[in-house]
């Protein structure tokens, strides 16, 4: 007599319904950033497909439940600003990146995108390109890194970075699923790799011009959380998830402008490095929470209280790639941002520092 299976495939059950005809309706998943730098979403039914975010209506949510408004005046508006194909629902269904606005018509306190976009538009002649390297760690249901001995530690770091094989990498299925989801959504994802600490991975978004980088990275984060949800895993972008002799997680930020990409662009790169150094403390304030635990001067980081830049130096605040130094042009890599930093704040303050701010924008404060 065959044994009775006790395994139930929830995915198989779900797919029966995902294939049902939507009768011409379209599902739009509105995505926004909450008061604790997290992702929130809600779904709206549309009567027909849309091709441009400007066709979409504004919506609202209860800001008192997301840390973005007081309970006595809790409505916060969400305004669409970009759309992407939905890899989970397929068809004409879409993901909608939004900005948060207060009822009086001003940007919500945690709406960093609005100021960032203004700076990008004001400096469009410099054609700023950005590429961000998002590191993250995959945890099991108990909050411990996947594949690690329960309550214990694996062998020391060394074989895990860009590793291949059982015992060297964990949860490749989640990483590959996320990669495909990003490509389906039309995100500018340029690669993935296993990182130095086991169960730590990285994906790269970019190069993107201007405000698009922040939109693409936030949607990529949303997709990562959703994919991990399907596999029963947790994602953390905490900069130092495991204390001790383990690498932290960062959000290395590659920056290139038209001036840097021209012949003899090295001067523009070095000038930018000097300007970034002059505002080091202000940048650190908006480069992520808990970054001091990561930026110790060890594990391929600079000390958080010192600024430095150099060619091919992964222990410097700013690294100029060896190839760029040889060619005399290209880009710089700001290695200071923590993995949990907001890309709008990073790219915004970089533009502000290199090219100057403008009235009504200030990215140098830890909180608005």
Protein backbone atom coordinates (compact mmCIF):
# COMPACT_ATOMS: atom_id res chain seq x y z
CA UNK A 1 0.00 0.00 0.00
CA UNK A 2 1.41 3.36 -1.04
CA UNK A 3 2.08 5.93 1.65
CA UNK A 4 -0.27 8.89 1.77
CA UNK A 5 1.44 12.14 0.88
CA UNK A 6 1.16 14.93 3.43
CA UNK A 7 2.70 17.54 1.13
CA UNK A 8 0.38 20.18 -0.29
CA UNK A 9 1.65 22.37 -3.12
CA UNK A 10 0.25 25.82 -2.48
CA UNK A 11 1.82 27.04 -5.72
CA UNK A 12 -0.05 24.41 -7.70
CA UNK A 13 -3.31 25.44 -6.04
CA UNK A 14 -2.64 29.11 -6.76
CA UNK A 15 -1.84 28.54 -10.44
CA UNK A 16 -5.32 27.12 -11.08
CA UNK A 17 -6.73 30.53 -10.28
CA UNK A 18 -3.97 32.62 -11.86
CA UNK A 19 -4.94 31.12 -15.23
CA UNK A 20 -8.58 32.23 -14.98
CA UNK A 21 -9.88 34.77 -17.50
CA UNK A 22 -9.98 38.31 -16.06
CA UNK A 23 -12.80 39.30 -18.45
CA UNK A 24 -10.96 42.35 -19.76
CA UNK A 25 -10.00 43.74 -16.37
CA UNK A 26 -6.41 44.65 -15.54
CA UNK A 27 -4.80 44.45 -12.09
CA UNK A 28 -2.48 47.31 -11.12
CA UNK A 29 -0.22 46.75 -8.11
CA UNK A 30 0.48 50.19 -6.60
CA UNK A 31 3.88 50.23 -4.83
CA UNK A 32 5.07 52.88 -2.39
CA UNK A 33 7.75 53.44 0.25
CA UNK A 34 6.55 53.63 3.85
CA UNK A 35 7.79 55.57 6.87
CA UNK A 36 10.42 52.97 7.79
CA UNK A 37 12.01 52.62 4.34
CA UNK A 38 9.94 49.52 3.60
CA UNK A 39 7.77 48.50 0.66
CA UNK A 40 3.96 48.53 0.77
CA UNK A 41 1.48 47.65 -1.97
CA UNK A 42 -2.22 47.44 -2.75
CA UNK A 43 -4.08 46.35 -5.88
CA UNK A 44 -6.53 48.31 -8.03
CA UNK A 45 -8.78 46.84 -10.73
CA UNK A 46 -8.71 48.76 -14.01
CA UNK A 47 -11.27 48.45 -16.78
CA UNK A 48 -8.71 48.30 -19.61
CA UNK A 49 -4.98 47.99 -20.31
CA UNK A 50 -2.79 51.08 -19.94
CA UNK A 51 0.44 51.98 -21.73
CA UNK A 52 1.52 55.03 -19.73
CA UNK A 53 1.50 55.81 -16.00
CA UNK A 54 -0.22 59.12 -16.80
CA UNK A 55 -3.36 57.15 -17.68
CA UNK A 56 -3.61 55.84 -14.12
CA UNK A 57 -5.65 57.45 -11.34
CA UNK A 58 -4.25 58.65 -8.05
CA UNK A 59 -5.16 56.53 -5.05
CA UNK A 60 -4.74 56.72 -1.29
CA UNK A 61 -3.98 54.64 1.78
CA UNK A 62 -4.09 54.81 5.57
CA UNK A 63 -0.85 56.57 6.46
CA UNK A 64 -1.37 56.04 10.18
CA UNK A 65 -0.74 52.33 9.60
CA UNK A 66 2.51 52.90 7.66
CA UNK A 67 4.16 55.56 9.83
CA UNK A 68 3.38 58.33 7.34
CA UNK A 69 0.46 60.23 8.89
CA UNK A 70 -1.37 60.85 12.14
CA UNK A 71 -4.53 58.82 12.84
CA UNK A 72 -6.71 61.94 12.99
CA UNK A 73 -5.73 62.88 9.42
CA UNK A 74 -4.49 59.62 7.98
CA UNK A 75 -5.14 59.78 4.23
CA UNK A 76 -1.98 59.80 2.11
CA UNK A 77 -2.21 60.02 -1.68
CA UNK A 78 -0.20 57.84 -4.04
CA UNK A 79 0.57 59.26 -7.47
CA UNK A 80 1.75 56.88 -10.23
CA UNK A 81 5.15 57.74 -11.72
CA UNK A 82 6.26 54.59 -13.58
CA UNK A 83 4.77 51.28 -14.72
CA UNK A 84 6.23 47.83 -15.35
CA UNK A 85 4.83 44.47 -16.53
CA UNK A 86 3.77 42.25 -13.61
CA UNK A 87 5.77 38.99 -13.62
CA UNK A 88 3.48 37.33 -11.07
CA UNK A 89 0.12 37.94 -12.76
CA UNK A 90 1.34 38.25 -16.34
CA UNK A 91 -0.86 39.45 -19.22
CA UNK A 92 -1.74 43.14 -19.20
CA UNK A 93 -1.37 43.37 -15.42
CA UNK A 94 1.14 45.94 -14.19
CA UNK A 95 3.30 47.11 -11.32
CA UNK A 96 2.96 50.82 -10.55
CA UNK A 97 5.71 52.77 -8.80
CA UNK A 98 4.21 55.73 -6.96
CA UNK A 99 5.08 58.81 -4.93
CA UNK A 100 3.41 59.64 -1.61
CA UNK A 101 1.70 63.03 -1.23
CA UNK A 102 -0.21 64.67 1.61
CA UNK A 103 -3.80 65.91 1.06
CA UNK A 104 -2.62 69.55 1.03
CA UNK A 105 -0.73 68.89 -2.19
CA UNK A 106 2.78 68.73 -0.70
CA UNK A 107 5.12 65.73 -0.85
CA UNK A 108 4.84 63.39 2.12
CA UNK A 109 7.70 63.58 4.61
CA UNK A 110 9.07 60.28 3.30
CA UNK A 111 8.71 61.13 -0.39
CA UNK A 112 12.36 61.42 -1.40
CA UNK A 113 11.65 60.73 -5.04
CA UNK A 114 10.08 64.12 -5.75
CA UNK A 115 13.17 66.13 -4.76
CA UNK A 116 15.46 63.66 -6.50
CA UNK A 117 13.58 63.97 -9.77
CA UNK A 118 13.75 67.77 -9.62
CA UNK A 119 17.54 67.60 -9.25
CA UNK A 120 17.83 65.09 -12.08
CA UNK A 121 15.78 67.28 -14.41
CA UNK A 122 17.74 70.40 -13.46
CA UNK A 123 21.00 68.60 -14.28
CA UNK A 124 19.81 66.66 -17.31
CA UNK A 125 22.53 68.27 -19.46
CA UNK A 126 25.12 66.31 -17.44
CA UNK A 127 23.40 63.02 -18.43
CA UNK A 128 23.93 61.29 -15.06
CA UNK A 129 24.15 57.50 -15.16
CA UNK A 130 23.88 55.38 -12.04
CA UNK A 131 24.40 51.72 -11.27
CA UNK A 132 23.69 50.34 -7.80
CA UNK A 133 24.89 47.00 -6.44
CA UNK A 134 22.22 45.69 -4.05
CA UNK A 135 23.56 43.18 -1.54
CA UNK A 136 21.14 41.22 0.64
CA UNK A 137 20.96 38.14 2.86
CA UNK A 138 18.44 35.29 2.65
CA UNK A 139 17.11 34.07 5.99
CA UNK A 140 15.03 31.05 6.95
CA UNK A 141 11.67 31.28 8.70
CA UNK A 142 13.45 31.61 12.06
CA UNK A 143 15.54 34.56 10.87
CA UNK A 144 18.87 32.70 10.59
CA UNK A 145 20.86 32.70 7.32
CA UNK A 146 19.68 29.92 5.03
CA UNK A 147 21.96 26.88 5.03
CA UNK A 148 23.79 27.83 8.23
CA UNK A 149 23.84 25.33 11.13
CA UNK A 150 20.93 26.25 13.37
CA UNK A 151 22.29 28.72 15.91
CA UNK A 152 25.81 28.02 14.66
CA UNK A 153 28.21 29.07 11.96
CA UNK A 154 29.57 27.63 8.71
CA UNK A 155 33.24 27.48 7.74
CA UNK A 156 35.00 30.87 7.51
CA UNK A 157 34.57 33.12 4.49
CA UNK A 158 36.59 32.28 1.42
CA UNK A 159 34.82 29.71 -0.80
CA UNK A 160 31.45 31.44 -0.98
CA UNK A 161 32.02 34.54 -3.13
CA UNK A 162 30.80 33.73 -6.66
CA UNK A 163 30.79 30.11 -5.47
CA UNK A 164 29.31 27.08 -7.16
CA UNK A 165 28.16 23.87 -5.52
CA UNK A 166 26.30 22.55 -2.51
CA UNK A 167 27.70 23.94 0.72
CA UNK A 168 29.14 26.98 -1.04
CA UNK A 169 25.94 28.70 -2.13
CA UNK A 170 22.39 28.62 -0.81
CA UNK A 171 18.99 29.50 -2.29
CA UNK A 172 20.10 29.88 -5.88
CA UNK A 173 16.50 29.06 -6.85
CA UNK A 174 15.28 32.26 -5.21
CA UNK A 175 18.03 34.31 -6.85
CA UNK A 176 17.36 32.90 -10.33
CA UNK A 177 13.60 33.37 -9.96
CA UNK A 178 14.14 37.00 -8.94
CA UNK A 179 16.49 37.57 -11.89
CA UNK A 180 13.88 36.31 -14.37
CA UNK A 181 11.12 38.33 -12.67
CA UNK A 182 13.19 41.52 -13.02
CA UNK A 183 13.88 40.84 -16.70
CA UNK A 184 10.18 40.18 -17.36
CA UNK A 185 9.31 43.47 -15.64
CA UNK A 186 11.71 45.32 -17.94
CA UNK A 187 14.06 46.36 -15.16
CA UNK A 188 17.62 47.30 -16.04
CA UNK A 189 19.15 44.43 -14.04
CA UNK A 190 22.70 43.90 -15.25
CA UNK A 191 23.78 40.86 -13.26
CA UNK A 192 23.82 38.74 -10.09
CA UNK A 193 26.45 36.97 -7.99
CA UNK A 194 26.89 35.14 -4.71
CA UNK A 195 28.61 37.34 -2.14
CA UNK A 196 31.38 36.82 0.43
CA UNK A 197 29.20 35.67 3.33
CA UNK A 198 27.27 32.43 2.72
CA UNK A 199 23.58 33.06 1.95
CA UNK A 200 24.47 36.62 0.95
CA UNK A 201 23.82 37.64 -2.66
CA UNK A 202 23.94 40.69 -4.89
CA UNK A 203 22.11 41.99 -7.93
CA UNK A 204 23.05 45.05 -9.93
CA UNK A 205 20.65 47.63 -11.34
CA UNK A 206 21.89 49.97 -14.06
CA UNK A 207 23.21 51.79 -15.79
CA UNK A 208 20.07 53.93 -15.62
CA UNK A 209 19.80 57.61 -16.40
CA UNK A 210 18.55 59.98 -13.72
CA UNK A 211 15.47 59.12 -11.70
CA UNK A 212 14.98 55.75 -13.42
CA UNK A 213 17.64 54.16 -11.22
CA UNK A 214 15.63 54.70 -8.05
CA UNK A 215 12.42 53.43 -9.67
CA UNK A 216 14.09 50.30 -11.00
CA UNK A 217 15.87 49.49 -7.74
CA UNK A 218 12.76 49.90 -5.58
CA UNK A 219 10.72 47.69 -7.91
CA UNK A 220 13.55 45.13 -7.90
CA UNK A 221 13.45 45.13 -4.09
CA UNK A 222 9.70 44.59 -4.19
CA UNK A 223 10.14 41.66 -6.58
CA UNK A 224 12.81 40.14 -4.33
CA UNK A 225 10.53 40.26 -1.28
CA UNK A 226 7.65 38.76 -3.28
CA UNK A 227 9.74 35.97 -4.78
CA UNK A 228 11.16 35.06 -1.37
CA UNK A 229 7.60 35.05 -0.02
CA UNK A 230 6.73 32.36 -2.57
CA UNK A 231 9.63 30.22 -1.30
CA UNK A 232 8.92 30.79 2.39
CA UNK A 233 12.18 32.68 2.92
CA UNK A 234 12.93 36.12 4.38
CA UNK A 235 15.09 38.86 2.89
CA UNK A 236 17.10 41.27 5.00
CA UNK A 237 18.98 44.31 3.72
CA UNK A 238 20.36 45.11 7.16
CA UNK A 239 23.98 46.27 6.69
CA UNK A 240 25.43 43.94 9.34
CA UNK A 241 23.00 41.01 9.73
CA UNK A 242 25.58 38.74 11.40
CA UNK A 243 27.96 40.32 13.88
CA UNK A 244 31.61 39.37 14.06
CA UNK A 245 34.04 38.29 11.35
CA UNK A 246 31.50 38.29 8.52
CA UNK A 247 31.10 40.73 5.66
CA UNK A 248 28.36 43.32 5.89
CA UNK A 249 25.99 44.22 3.06
CA UNK A 250 26.26 47.40 1.05
CA UNK A 251 24.74 49.29 -1.85
CA UNK A 252 27.81 50.33 -3.79
CA UNK A 253 26.88 53.24 -6.05
CA UNK A 254 28.46 53.74 -9.45
CA UNK A 255 28.25 57.29 -10.79
CA UNK A 256 29.07 58.60 -14.26
CA UNK A 257 28.32 61.92 -15.92
CA UNK A 258 28.82 63.14 -19.47
CA UNK A 259 31.94 64.98 -18.30
CA UNK A 260 33.38 61.82 -16.75
CA UNK A 261 32.80 59.78 -19.90
CA UNK A 262 34.59 62.24 -22.23
CA UNK A 263 38.26 62.00 -23.14
CA UNK A 264 40.35 63.16 -20.15
CA UNK A 265 37.26 62.64 -17.98
CA UNK A 266 39.50 61.60 -15.10
CA UNK A 267 39.69 65.24 -14.01
CA UNK A 268 35.89 65.34 -13.64
CA UNK A 269 36.04 62.08 -11.66
CA UNK A 270 38.71 63.41 -9.30
CA UNK A 271 36.88 66.74 -8.91
CA UNK A 272 33.73 64.82 -7.96
CA UNK A 273 35.67 62.75 -5.42
CA UNK A 274 36.98 65.89 -3.76
CA UNK A 275 33.49 67.39 -3.56
CA UNK A 276 32.09 64.15 -2.12
CA UNK A 277 34.83 64.21 0.51
CA UNK A 278 33.93 67.75 1.56
CA UNK A 279 30.42 66.56 2.50
CA UNK A 280 31.36 63.12 3.85
CA UNK A 281 29.45 63.46 7.13
CA UNK A 282 26.33 64.71 5.36
CA UNK A 283 26.40 61.76 2.98
CA UNK A 284 26.82 59.26 5.82
CA UNK A 285 23.67 60.66 7.45
CA UNK A 286 21.55 59.49 4.51
CA UNK A 287 23.52 56.42 3.46
CA UNK A 288 21.51 53.95 5.55
CA UNK A 289 20.69 52.95 9.12
CA UNK A 290 23.19 50.87 11.08
CA UNK A 291 26.01 51.61 8.67
CA UNK A 292 28.57 52.17 11.45
CA UNK A 293 28.53 48.44 12.22
CA UNK A 294 29.46 47.72 8.60
CA UNK A 295 31.94 50.53 7.88
CA UNK A 296 34.67 49.57 10.32
CA UNK A 297 37.66 49.70 8.01
CA UNK A 298 37.59 45.91 7.73
CA UNK A 299 35.78 43.49 5.40
CA UNK A 300 36.40 45.65 2.32
CA UNK A 301 35.07 48.88 3.85
CA UNK A 302 36.52 52.24 4.76
CA UNK A 303 36.18 53.62 8.28
CA UNK A 304 32.91 55.53 8.62
CA UNK A 305 34.62 58.57 10.15
CA UNK A 306 37.29 58.97 7.47
CA UNK A 307 37.05 59.80 3.77
CA UNK A 308 39.43 58.53 1.13
CA UNK A 309 39.51 57.73 -2.57
CA UNK A 310 41.88 55.76 -4.72
CA UNK A 311 42.31 53.61 -7.80
CA UNK A 312 41.20 49.97 -7.39
CA UNK A 313 41.08 50.41 -3.59
CA UNK A 314 38.17 48.50 -2.05
CA UNK A 315 39.15 49.80 1.35
CA UNK A 316 38.54 53.41 0.28
CA UNK A 317 35.33 55.43 0.54
CA UNK A 318 35.40 55.98 -3.23
CA UNK A 319 36.99 53.50 -5.62
CA UNK A 320 38.06 54.54 -9.11
CA UNK A 321 38.15 51.34 -11.19
CA UNK A 322 41.58 50.42 -12.58
CA UNK A 323 40.21 50.36 -16.14
CA UNK A 324 38.88 53.91 -15.80
CA UNK A 325 42.25 55.13 -14.56
CA UNK A 326 43.97 53.47 -17.51
CA UNK A 327 41.52 54.89 -20.05
CA UNK A 328 41.40 58.29 -18.33
CA UNK A 329 37.60 58.37 -18.19
CA UNK A 330 34.54 56.47 -16.98
CA UNK A 331 32.96 56.45 -13.53
CA UNK A 332 33.52 56.30 -9.77
CA UNK A 333 32.18 53.84 -7.21
CA UNK A 334 30.92 55.23 -3.90
CA UNK A 335 31.32 52.26 -1.51
CA UNK A 336 29.83 53.98 1.53
CA UNK A 337 26.06 53.43 1.16
CA UNK A 338 24.56 50.65 3.28
CA UNK A 339 22.36 47.99 1.72
CA UNK A 340 19.22 49.50 3.28
CA UNK A 341 19.78 53.04 1.96
CA UNK A 342 17.14 54.69 -0.22
CA UNK A 343 18.36 54.99 -3.84
CA UNK A 344 16.52 58.29 -4.29
CA UNK A 345 18.42 59.76 -1.35
CA UNK A 346 21.76 58.38 -2.53
CA UNK A 347 21.50 59.61 -6.11
CA UNK A 348 19.89 62.85 -4.97
CA UNK A 349 22.68 63.85 -2.60
CA UNK A 350 25.34 62.78 -5.11
CA UNK A 351 23.84 65.15 -7.69
CA UNK A 352 23.45 67.86 -5.06
CA UNK A 353 27.10 67.54 -4.02
CA UNK A 354 28.64 67.37 -7.48
CA UNK A 355 26.50 69.99 -9.24
CA UNK A 356 24.95 72.01 -6.42
CA UNK A 357 21.48 71.98 -4.91
CA UNK A 358 18.44 74.00 -5.77
CA UNK A 359 15.75 75.82 -3.80
CA UNK A 360 13.47 73.42 -1.97
CA UNK A 361 15.81 70.43 -2.05
CA UNK A 362 18.10 69.21 0.73
CA UNK A 363 19.30 65.62 0.93
CA UNK A 364 21.83 66.22 3.69
CA UNK A 365 19.48 65.61 6.63
CA UNK A 366 18.90 62.25 8.29
CA UNK A 367 15.17 63.03 8.44
CA UNK A 368 13.05 65.67 6.82
